[in-house]
Each structure stands twice: as C-alpha cells, then as structure tokens.
C-alpha atoms as a PDB file:
ATOM      1  CA  UNK A   1     154.849  45.833 106.407  1.00  0.00           C
ATOM      2  CA  UNK A   2     157.804  45.042 108.659  1.00  0.00           C
ATOM      3  CA  UNK A   3     157.461  44.655 112.428  1.00  0.00           C
ATOM      4  CA  UNK A   4     158.610  48.126 113.478  1.00  0.00           C
ATOM      5  CA  UNK A   5     156.222  49.923 111.158  1.00  0.00           C
ATOM      6  CA  UNK A   6     153.356  47.638 112.169  1.00  0.00           C
ATOM      7  CA  UNK A   7     153.964  48.394 115.838  1.00  0.00           C
ATOM      8  CA  UNK A   8     154.188  52.119 115.098  1.00  0.00           C
ATOM      9  CA  UNK A   9     150.853  52.169 113.252  1.00  0.00           C
ATOM     10  CA  UNK A  10     149.184  50.124 115.981  1.00  0.00           C
ATOM     11  CA  UNK A  11     150.319  52.652 118.594  1.00  0.00           C
ATOM     12  CA  UNK A  12     149.031  55.464 116.381  1.00  0.00           C
ATOM     13  CA  UNK A  13     145.641  53.725 116.119  1.00  0.00           C
ATOM     14  CA  UNK A  14     145.455  53.258 119.890  1.00  0.00           C
ATOM     15  CA  UNK A  15     146.355  56.919 120.428  1.00  0.00           C
ATOM     16  CA  UNK A  16     143.655  58.014 117.968  1.00  0.00           C
ATOM     17  CA  UNK A  17     141.101  55.802 119.686  1.00  0.00           C
ATOM     18  CA  UNK A  18     141.962  57.119 123.147  1.00  0.00           C
ATOM     19  CA  UNK A  19     141.854  60.706 121.938  1.00  0.00           C
ATOM     20  CA  UNK A  20     138.418  60.472 120.360  1.00  0.00           C
ATOM     21  CA  UNK A  21     136.879  58.410 123.168  1.00  0.00           C
ATOM     22  CA  UNK A  22     138.371  60.193 126.191  1.00  0.00           C
ATOM     23  CA  UNK A  23     139.496  63.667 125.129  1.00  0.00           C
ATOM     24  CA  UNK A  24     137.314  64.725 122.229  1.00  0.00           C
ATOM     25  CA  UNK A  25     134.455  65.845 124.486  1.00  0.00           C
ATOM     26  CA  UNK A  26     136.794  68.461 125.930  1.00  0.00           C
ATOM     27  CA  UNK A  27     137.617  69.601 122.406  1.00  0.00           C
ATOM     28  CA  UNK A  28     133.894  69.941 121.745  1.00  0.00           C
ATOM     29  CA  UNK A  29     133.435  71.961 124.928  1.00  0.00           C
ATOM     30  CA  UNK A  30     136.385  74.223 124.020  1.00  0.00           C
ATOM     31  CA  UNK A  31     134.958  74.766 120.537  1.00  0.00           C
ATOM     32  CA  UNK A  32     131.625  75.774 122.019  1.00  0.00           C
ATOM     33  CA  UNK A  33     133.337  78.243 124.348  1.00  0.00           C
ATOM     34  CA  UNK A  34     135.502  79.760 121.612  1.00  0.00           C
ATOM     35  CA  UNK A  35     132.671  80.059 119.099  1.00  0.00           C
ATOM     36  CA  UNK A  36     130.552  82.063 121.518  1.00  0.00           C
ATOM     37  CA  UNK A  37     127.404  80.243 120.441  1.00  0.00           C
ATOM     38  CA  UNK A  38     126.162  80.223 124.019  1.00  0.00           C
ATOM     39  CA  UNK A  39     125.172  83.847 123.585  1.00  0.00           C
ATOM     40  CA  UNK A  40     122.345  82.833 121.262  1.00  0.00           C
ATOM     41  CA  UNK A  41     119.964  80.188 122.548  1.00  0.00           C
ATOM     42  CA  UNK A  42     119.910  77.041 120.434  1.00  0.00           C
ATOM     43  CA  UNK A  43     122.820  78.018 118.202  1.00  0.00           C
ATOM     44  CA  UNK A  44     125.239  75.510 119.784  1.00  0.00           C
ATOM     45  CA  UNK A  45     123.163  72.511 118.750  1.00  0.00           C
ATOM     46  CA  UNK A  46     124.491  72.108 115.185  1.00  0.00           C
ATOM     47  CA  UNK A  47     128.092  72.487 116.361  1.00  0.00           C
ATOM     48  CA  UNK A  48     127.729  69.909 119.118  1.00  0.00           C
ATOM     49  CA  UNK A  49     125.845  67.564 116.793  1.00  0.00           C
ATOM     50  CA  UNK A  50     128.569  67.806 114.160  1.00  0.00           C
ATOM     51  CA  UNK A  51     131.439  67.209 116.541  1.00  0.00           C
ATOM     52  CA  UNK A  52     129.883  64.595 118.813  1.00  0.00           C
ATOM     53  CA  UNK A  53     127.597  62.963 116.289  1.00  0.00           C
ATOM     54  CA  UNK A  54     129.865  62.896 113.236  1.00  0.00           C
ATOM     55  CA  UNK A  55     133.493  63.707 114.029  1.00  0.00           C
ATOM     56  CA  UNK A  56     133.809  61.608 117.190  1.00  0.00           C
ATOM     57  CA  UNK A  57     132.411  58.373 115.680  1.00  0.00           C
ATOM     58  CA  UNK A  58     134.498  58.979 112.547  1.00  0.00           C
ATOM     59  CA  UNK A  59     137.641  59.133 114.688  1.00  0.00           C
ATOM     60  CA  UNK A  60     136.762  55.844 116.376  1.00  0.00           C
ATOM     61  CA  UNK A  61     136.097  54.225 112.988  1.00  0.00           C
ATOM     62  CA  UNK A  62     139.408  55.611 111.735  1.00  0.00           C
ATOM     63  CA  UNK A  63     141.287  53.942 114.587  1.00  0.00           C
ATOM     64  CA  UNK A  64     139.560  50.626 113.899  1.00  0.00           C
ATOM     65  CA  UNK A  65     140.236  50.929 110.179  1.00  0.00           C
ATOM     66  CA  UNK A  66     143.939  51.521 110.805  1.00  0.00           C
ATOM     67  CA  UNK A  67     144.151  48.446 113.005  1.00  0.00           C
ATOM     68  CA  UNK A  68     142.463  46.240 110.417  1.00  0.00           C
ATOM     69  CA  UNK A  69     144.427  47.540 107.426  1.00  0.00           C
ATOM     70  CA  UNK A  70     147.854  47.297 109.044  1.00  0.00           C
ATOM     71  CA  UNK A  71     147.027  43.854 110.451  1.00  0.00           C
ATOM     72  CA  UNK A  72     146.046  42.636 106.986  1.00  0.00           C
ATOM     73  CA  UNK A  73     149.245  44.152 105.572  1.00  0.00           C
ATOM     74  CA  UNK A  74     151.333  42.465 108.257  1.00  0.00           C
ATOM     75  CA  UNK A  75     149.657  39.105 107.646  1.00  0.00           C
ATOM     76  CA  UNK A  76     150.473  39.396 103.947  1.00  0.00           C
ATOM     77  CA  UNK A  77     154.043  40.535 104.601  1.00  0.00           C
ATOM     78  CA  UNK A  78     155.004  37.630 106.879  1.00  0.00           C
ATOM     79  CA  UNK A  79     153.425  35.101 104.532  1.00  0.00           C
ATOM     80  CA  UNK A  80     150.478  33.917 106.615  1.00  0.00           C
ATOM     81  CA  UNK A  81     147.467  32.438 104.872  1.00  0.00           C
ATOM     82  CA  UNK A  82     144.766  34.985 104.048  1.00  0.00           C
ATOM     83  CA  UNK A  83     142.414  32.907 106.179  1.00  0.00           C
ATOM     84  CA  UNK A  84     144.072  34.613 109.131  1.00  0.00           C
ATOM     85  CA  UNK A  85     142.907  37.985 107.792  1.00  0.00           C
ATOM     86  CA  UNK A  86     139.318  36.718 107.750  1.00  0.00           C
ATOM     87  CA  UNK A  87     139.667  35.291 111.249  1.00  0.00           C
ATOM     88  CA  UNK A  88     141.194  38.541 112.540  1.00  0.00           C
ATOM     89  CA  UNK A  89     138.324  40.511 110.982  1.00  0.00           C
ATOM     90  CA  UNK A  90     135.770  38.277 112.730  1.00  0.00           C
ATOM     91  CA  UNK A  91     137.581  38.725 116.045  1.00  0.00           C
ATOM     92  CA  UNK A  92     137.674  42.481 115.524  1.00  0.00           C
ATOM     93  CA  UNK A  93     133.958  42.840 114.780  1.00  0.00           C
ATOM     94  CA  UNK A  94     132.984  40.552 117.659  1.00  0.00           C
ATOM     95  CA  UNK A  95     135.125  42.438 120.190  1.00  0.00           C
ATOM     96  CA  UNK A  96     134.527  45.988 118.874  1.00  0.00           C
ATOM     97  CA  UNK A  97     132.077  47.041 121.655  1.00  0.00           C
ATOM     98  CA  UNK A  98     134.510  46.062 124.423  1.00  0.00           C
ATOM     99  CA  UNK A  99     137.141  48.817 123.878  1.00  0.00           C
ATOM    100  CA  UNK A 100     134.322  51.371 123.961  1.00  0.00           C
ATOM    101  CA  UNK A 101     133.307  49.929 127.322  1.00  0.00           C
ATOM    102  CA  UNK A 102     136.871  50.245 128.572  1.00  0.00           C
ATOM    103  CA  UNK A 103     137.052  53.834 127.350  1.00  0.00           C
ATOM    104  CA  UNK A 104     134.159  54.771 129.630  1.00  0.00           C
ATOM    105  CA  UNK A 105     136.045  53.402 132.630  1.00  0.00           C
ATOM    106  CA  UNK A 106     138.243  56.455 133.041  1.00  0.00           C
ATOM    107  CA  UNK A 107     135.284  58.314 134.586  1.00  0.00           C
ATOM    108  CA  UNK A 108     135.258  55.844 137.485  1.00  0.00           C
ATOM    109  CA  UNK A 109     131.774  54.568 136.675  1.00  0.00           C
ATOM    110  CA  UNK A 110     132.906  51.158 135.441  1.00  0.00           C
ATOM    111  CA  UNK A 111     133.350  48.308 137.902  1.00  0.00           C
ATOM    112  CA  UNK A 112     136.007  45.583 137.398  1.00  0.00           C
ATOM    113  CA  UNK A 113     133.332  42.900 137.662  1.00  0.00           C
ATOM    114  CA  UNK A 114     131.438  44.441 134.748  1.00  0.00           C
ATOM    115  CA  UNK A 115     134.643  44.419 132.694  1.00  0.00           C
ATOM    116  CA  UNK A 116     135.236  40.719 133.345  1.00  0.00           C
ATOM    117  CA  UNK A 117     131.639  39.844 132.511  1.00  0.00           C
ATOM    118  CA  UNK A 118     131.721  41.793 129.246  1.00  0.00           C
ATOM    119  CA  UNK A 119     135.204  40.637 128.222  1.00  0.00           C
ATOM    120  CA  UNK A 120     134.864  38.657 124.973  1.00  0.00           C
ATOM    121  CA  UNK A 121     137.294  35.813 124.372  1.00  0.00           C
ATOM    122  CA  UNK A 122     137.658  37.010 120.784  1.00  0.00           C
ATOM    123  CA  UNK A 123     139.202  40.228 122.128  1.00  0.00           C
ATOM    124  CA  UNK A 124     141.860  38.192 123.962  1.00  0.00           C
ATOM    125  CA  UNK A 125     142.520  36.201 120.786  1.00  0.00           C
ATOM    126  CA  UNK A 126     142.874  39.388 118.758  1.00  0.00           C
ATOM    127  CA  UNK A 127     145.235  41.050 121.239  1.00  0.00           C
ATOM    128  CA  UNK A 128     147.359  37.908 121.520  1.00  0.00           C
ATOM    129  CA  UNK A 129     147.556  37.535 117.755  1.00  0.00           C
ATOM    130  CA  UNK A 130     148.448  41.185 117.148  1.00  0.00           C
ATOM    131  CA  UNK A 131     151.180  41.088 119.794  1.00  0.00           C
ATOM    132  CA  UNK A 132     152.586  37.889 118.331  1.00  0.00           C
ATOM    133  CA  UNK A 133     152.815  39.123 114.753  1.00  0.00           C
ATOM    134  CA  UNK A 134     154.791  42.114 116.020  1.00  0.00           C
ATOM    135  CA  UNK A 135     157.737  39.706 116.211  1.00  0.00           C
ATOM    136  CA  UNK A 136     160.405  40.329 113.597  1.00  0.00           C
ATOM    137  CA  UNK A 137     159.963  37.107 111.622  1.00  0.00           C
ATOM    138  CA  UNK A 138     161.564  38.731 108.588  1.00  0.00           C
ATOM    139  CA  UNK A 139     164.852  39.225 110.444  1.00  0.00           C
ATOM    140  CA  UNK A 140     165.139  35.735 111.931  1.00  0.00           C
ATOM    141  CA  UNK A 141     163.830  33.980 108.834  1.00  0.00           C
ATOM    142  CA  UNK A 142     161.395  31.865 110.873  1.00  0.00           C
ATOM    143  CA  UNK A 143     157.799  31.049 110.068  1.00  0.00           C
ATOM    144  CA  UNK A 144     154.924  32.238 112.258  1.00  0.00           C
ATOM    145  CA  UNK A 145     153.749  29.500 114.628  1.00  0.00           C
ATOM    146  CA  UNK A 146     156.960  27.591 113.999  1.00  0.00           C
ATOM    147  CA  UNK A 147     157.797  24.651 111.784  1.00  0.00           C
ATOM    148  CA  UNK A 148     156.189  21.974 113.930  1.00  0.00           C
ATOM    149  CA  UNK A 149     153.077  20.876 112.084  1.00  0.00           C
ATOM    150  CA  UNK A 150     151.099  19.772 115.173  1.00  0.00           C
ATOM    151  CA  UNK A 151     151.658  23.179 116.783  1.00  0.00           C
ATOM    152  CA  UNK A 152     150.583  25.014 113.650  1.00  0.00           C
ATOM    153  CA  UNK A 153     147.512  22.791 113.266  1.00  0.00           C
ATOM    154  CA  UNK A 154     146.484  23.332 116.896  1.00  0.00           C
ATOM    155  CA  UNK A 155     146.893  27.105 116.520  1.00  0.00           C
ATOM    156  CA  UNK A 156     144.782  27.122 113.357  1.00  0.00           C
ATOM    157  CA  UNK A 157     142.023  24.974 114.857  1.00  0.00           C
ATOM    158  CA  UNK A 158     141.774  26.991 118.059  1.00  0.00           C
ATOM    159  CA  UNK A 159     141.638  30.260 116.106  1.00  0.00           C
ATOM    160  CA  UNK A 160     138.959  28.933 113.733  1.00  0.00           C
ATOM    161  CA  UNK A 161     136.942  27.638 116.685  1.00  0.00           C
ATOM    162  CA  UNK A 162     136.920  31.070 118.331  1.00  0.00           C
ATOM    163  CA  UNK A 163     136.017  32.747 115.031  1.00  0.00           C
ATOM    164  CA  UNK A 164     133.057  30.398 114.524  1.00  0.00           C
ATOM    165  CA  UNK A 165     131.949  30.957 118.106  1.00  0.00           C
ATOM    166  CA  UNK A 166     132.153  34.722 117.572  1.00  0.00           C
ATOM    167  CA  UNK A 167     130.012  34.367 114.445  1.00  0.00           C
ATOM    168  CA  UNK A 168     127.439  32.447 116.456  1.00  0.00           C
ATOM    169  CA  UNK A 169     127.365  34.805 119.444  1.00  0.00           C
ATOM    170  CA  UNK A 170     127.552  38.229 117.763  1.00  0.00           C
ATOM    171  CA  UNK A 171     124.233  39.488 116.453  1.00  0.00           C
ATOM    172  CA  UNK A 172     125.969  42.057 114.216  1.00  0.00           C
ATOM    173  CA  UNK A 173     127.042  39.301 111.814  1.00  0.00           C
ATOM    174  CA  UNK A 174     123.399  38.517 111.035  1.00  0.00           C
ATOM    175  CA  UNK A 175     122.925  41.895 109.361  1.00  0.00           C
ATOM    176  CA  UNK A 176     126.036  41.735 107.174  1.00  0.00           C
ATOM    177  CA  UNK A 177     124.640  39.414 104.421  1.00  0.00           C
ATOM    178  CA  UNK A 178     121.468  41.456 104.086  1.00  0.00           C
ATOM    179  CA  UNK A 179     123.456  44.684 103.792  1.00  0.00           C
ATOM    180  CA  UNK A 180     125.817  43.259 101.198  1.00  0.00           C
ATOM    181  CA  UNK A 181     123.144  41.510  99.096  1.00  0.00           C
ATOM    182  CA  UNK A 182     120.251  43.881  99.786  1.00  0.00           C
ATOM    183  CA  UNK A 183     117.900  41.165 101.023  1.00  0.00           C
ATOM    184  CA  UNK A 184     116.611  41.817 104.579  1.00  0.00           C
ATOM    185  CA  UNK A 185     115.172  38.322 104.790  1.00  0.00           C
ATOM    186  CA  UNK A 186     118.692  36.917 105.152  1.00  0.00           C
ATOM    187  CA  UNK A 187     119.020  38.606 108.522  1.00  0.00           C
ATOM    188  CA  UNK A 188     116.275  36.449 110.016  1.00  0.00           C
ATOM    189  CA  UNK A 189     117.738  33.310 108.419  1.00  0.00           C
ATOM    190  CA  UNK A 190     121.242  33.921 109.762  1.00  0.00           C
ATOM    191  CA  UNK A 191     119.910  34.975 113.167  1.00  0.00           C
ATOM    192  CA  UNK A 192     117.953  31.735 113.320  1.00  0.00           C
ATOM    193  CA  UNK A 193     121.059  29.661 112.573  1.00  0.00           C
ATOM    194  CA  UNK A 194     123.252  31.353 115.185  1.00  0.00           C
ATOM    195  CA  UNK A 195     121.750  29.702 118.322  1.00  0.00           C
ATOM    196  CA  UNK A 196     122.112  26.242 116.826  1.00  0.00           C
ATOM    197  CA  UNK A 197     125.725  26.868 115.854  1.00  0.00           C
ATOM    198  CA  UNK A 198     126.423  28.189 119.331  1.00  0.00           C
ATOM    199  CA  UNK A 199     124.918  25.061 120.928  1.00  0.00           C
ATOM    200  CA  UNK A 200     127.101  22.849 118.730  1.00  0.00           C
ATOM    201  CA  UNK A 201     130.290  24.759 119.494  1.00  0.00           C
ATOM    202  CA  UNK A 202     129.663  24.950 123.241  1.00  0.00           C
ATOM    203  CA  UNK A 203     128.188  21.418 123.476  1.00  0.00           C
ATOM    204  CA  UNK A 204     124.937  22.892 124.720  1.00  0.00           C
ATOM    205  CA  UNK A 205     126.469  24.551 127.767  1.00  0.00           C
ATOM    206  CA  UNK A 206     126.509  28.106 126.338  1.00  0.00           C
ATOM    207  CA  UNK A 207     129.399  29.102 128.586  1.00  0.00           C
ATOM    208  CA  UNK A 208     132.926  30.312 127.846  1.00  0.00           C
ATOM    209  CA  UNK A 209     134.852  27.347 129.209  1.00  0.00           C
ATOM    210  CA  UNK A 210     135.604  25.759 125.832  1.00  0.00           C
ATOM    211  CA  UNK A 211     136.518  29.162 124.392  1.00  0.00           C
ATOM    212  CA  UNK A 212     138.965  29.747 127.242  1.00  0.00           C
ATOM    213  CA  UNK A 213     140.456  26.290 126.664  1.00  0.00           C
ATOM    214  CA  UNK A 214     140.898  27.186 122.995  1.00  0.00           C
ATOM    215  CA  UNK A 215     142.576  30.433 124.064  1.00  0.00           C
ATOM    216  CA  UNK A 216     144.937  28.471 126.306  1.00  0.00           C
ATOM    217  CA  UNK A 217     145.820  26.172 123.408  1.00  0.00           C
ATOM    218  CA  UNK A 218     146.425  29.177 121.162  1.00  0.00           C
ATOM    219  CA  UNK A 219     148.710  30.849 123.703  1.00  0.00           C
ATOM    220  CA  UNK A 220     150.505  27.554 124.295  1.00  0.00           C
ATOM    221  CA  UNK A 221     151.129  27.125 120.558  1.00  0.00           C
ATOM    222  CA  UNK A 222     152.602  30.618 120.404  1.00  0.00           C
ATOM    223  CA  UNK A 223     154.835  29.870 123.389  1.00  0.00           C
ATOM    224  CA  UNK A 224     156.045  26.610 121.815  1.00  0.00           C
ATOM    225  CA  UNK A 225     156.788  28.343 118.511  1.00  0.00           C
ATOM    226  CA  UNK A 226     158.807  31.010 120.331  1.00  0.00           C
ATOM    227  CA  UNK A 227     160.757  28.338 122.212  1.00  0.00           C
ATOM    228  CA  UNK A 228     161.412  26.538 118.945  1.00  0.00           C
ATOM    229  CA  UNK A 229     162.645  29.754 117.376  1.00  0.00           C
ATOM    230  CA  UNK A 230     165.136  30.367 120.184  1.00  0.00           C
ATOM    231  CA  UNK A 231     165.956  26.767 121.035  1.00  0.00           C
ATOM    232  CA  UNK A 232     169.527  26.997 119.732  1.00  0.00           C
ATOM    233  CA  UNK A 233     170.238  30.063 121.840  1.00  0.00           C
ATOM    234  CA  UNK A 234     168.610  28.466 124.872  1.00  0.00           C
ATOM    235  CA  UNK A 235     170.572  25.280 124.326  1.00  0.00           C
ATOM    236  CA  UNK A 236     173.833  27.184 124.198  1.00  0.00           C
ATOM    237  CA  UNK A 237     172.924  29.192 127.286  1.00  0.00           C
ATOM    238  CA  UNK A 238     171.524  26.566 129.640  1.00  0.00           C
ATOM    239  CA  UNK A 239     172.489  23.133 128.352  1.00  0.00           C
ATOM    240  CA  UNK A 240     176.127  23.828 127.532  1.00  0.00           C
ATOM    241  CA  UNK A 241     178.297  21.914 130.024  1.00  0.00           C
ATOM    242  CA  UNK A 242     179.992  23.987 132.676  1.00  0.00           C
ATOM    243  CA  UNK A 243     183.742  23.958 132.103  1.00  0.00           C
ATOM    244  CA  UNK A 244     186.288  24.779 134.764  1.00  0.00           C
ATOM    245  CA  UNK A 245     188.485  27.762 134.130  1.00  0.00           C
ATOM    246  CA  UNK A 246     191.634  26.701 132.365  1.00  0.00           C
ATOM    247  CA  UNK A 247     190.370  23.212 131.537  1.00  0.00           C
ATOM    248  CA  UNK A 248     190.669  21.789 128.064  1.00  0.00           C
ATOM    249  CA  UNK A 249     187.578  21.253 125.925  1.00  0.00           C
END
C-alpha cells in the first residue's frame, strides 16, 4: 500500500470514528422521530437498542479495524519487519480507550487536565509511527529509520520498551490468552505477572518519565532519519559556498 492510499484510508477511518462517536446519536434520534415509535409506549426501545447498542459500537470497531489493517499493509509494503506490526497492535490496544475519551470532549464536559492525565504514551508512539510511515519511502528509495544502524537500533529499542510497558500496564492484555486458549486461569497468571514487569520497566517508580524519555528517543531517531534522507538537498541548499554574480567557479 503506497503512501497516498495509506493516508486516504487513515482519513476515512478517522472520519468513520468521528461520525459514529459524535454524530450517530443524532441519526438515532432522527430514526426514532421518522419511525413514529413514540406514539406507542415502549416501542422505541428495540430501535434505540439496535442502533446505539449494536450499530454504533460496530462503527467504532470498523474504524479501528481499518486503521490496523492499512497499517499492517503499509508496514509490509515499505519492507519493515513484521515485529513492527505486533508493536503497533500493542500500542493500538493499549491506547484504544483514549480516542473514546477525546470523542466525549466535544460536549464541553471534558477538562484539559483530565486529557493529560489519561493520555497514554503508547498513543503518542502510535500517532508518531503512523505519521512517519506516511512518508513516500517508495519514491525516494530510502529505508524507514534511515541507514544508520545506531539510529535504527535506538528506534527499535524505544518502541519495544513502550510496547512491553503497555503490556504491563493494560489489564486488557491479561484476558487475551484465556480467550484464545479457552483457559480462564491464564488471566490470573498474566495479571499477576504484569505488576512485576511494570516495576522492572519503570525501575520501581511506576511513573511515565522513562516512557516519555523513550518517546523522545523515538522522535529523535525519526528526525535523524529524515535529515539523513534529505542531507544532500540540505547540503546543496545551505552549505554550498556563496558565489558572487559573474565570478568563475
């Protein structure tokens, strides 16, 4: 999936998400008015339950599914290791509740302080990664994260660190093994291992400072890879000696 199509599908997914989280309630209300079910007491319940209880969550899941599928396709197209698909999936699951929190902010009931407190670092990683892979690597012939091995290694390590931290902090991951293998006892085992893993990754502090440092390293690696990609153009633009008009080279 080339960059333009990836960007187009991502915008479609965002539009679908915004529609079902912010506008679909008005569609439900309009359907109730048009159907005339208000004339009979209790007859609007099944309609509202179907639209708000089934169709609205399905639309949100559809938007998330589009984001995951096109991101996986883009990762495969630009030749990144499939480990990045696993890391992106972990980031997505860990940060999934946050966009729903943002969607409720349009009513004016959400305070900026609550947004900052609920902001997961994995969401920032995911957004940064998705924006970066929108670059047209296929046109320039460059590799994602550049050709400098230290930069690529630092980007990989910071991304893996955030993914492991998301696994340790997100309780939803504890239920995945039991659902896949059909053994509920695994949920308690995984949930018991998560606090210990979190203590190891945060050095016992249980704060976000190390995660933010990892995010800074990740963003810095992306910036260095972009500079490397355009270094020839920058060299010709800024480092080229200034020649007087009419002088000989």
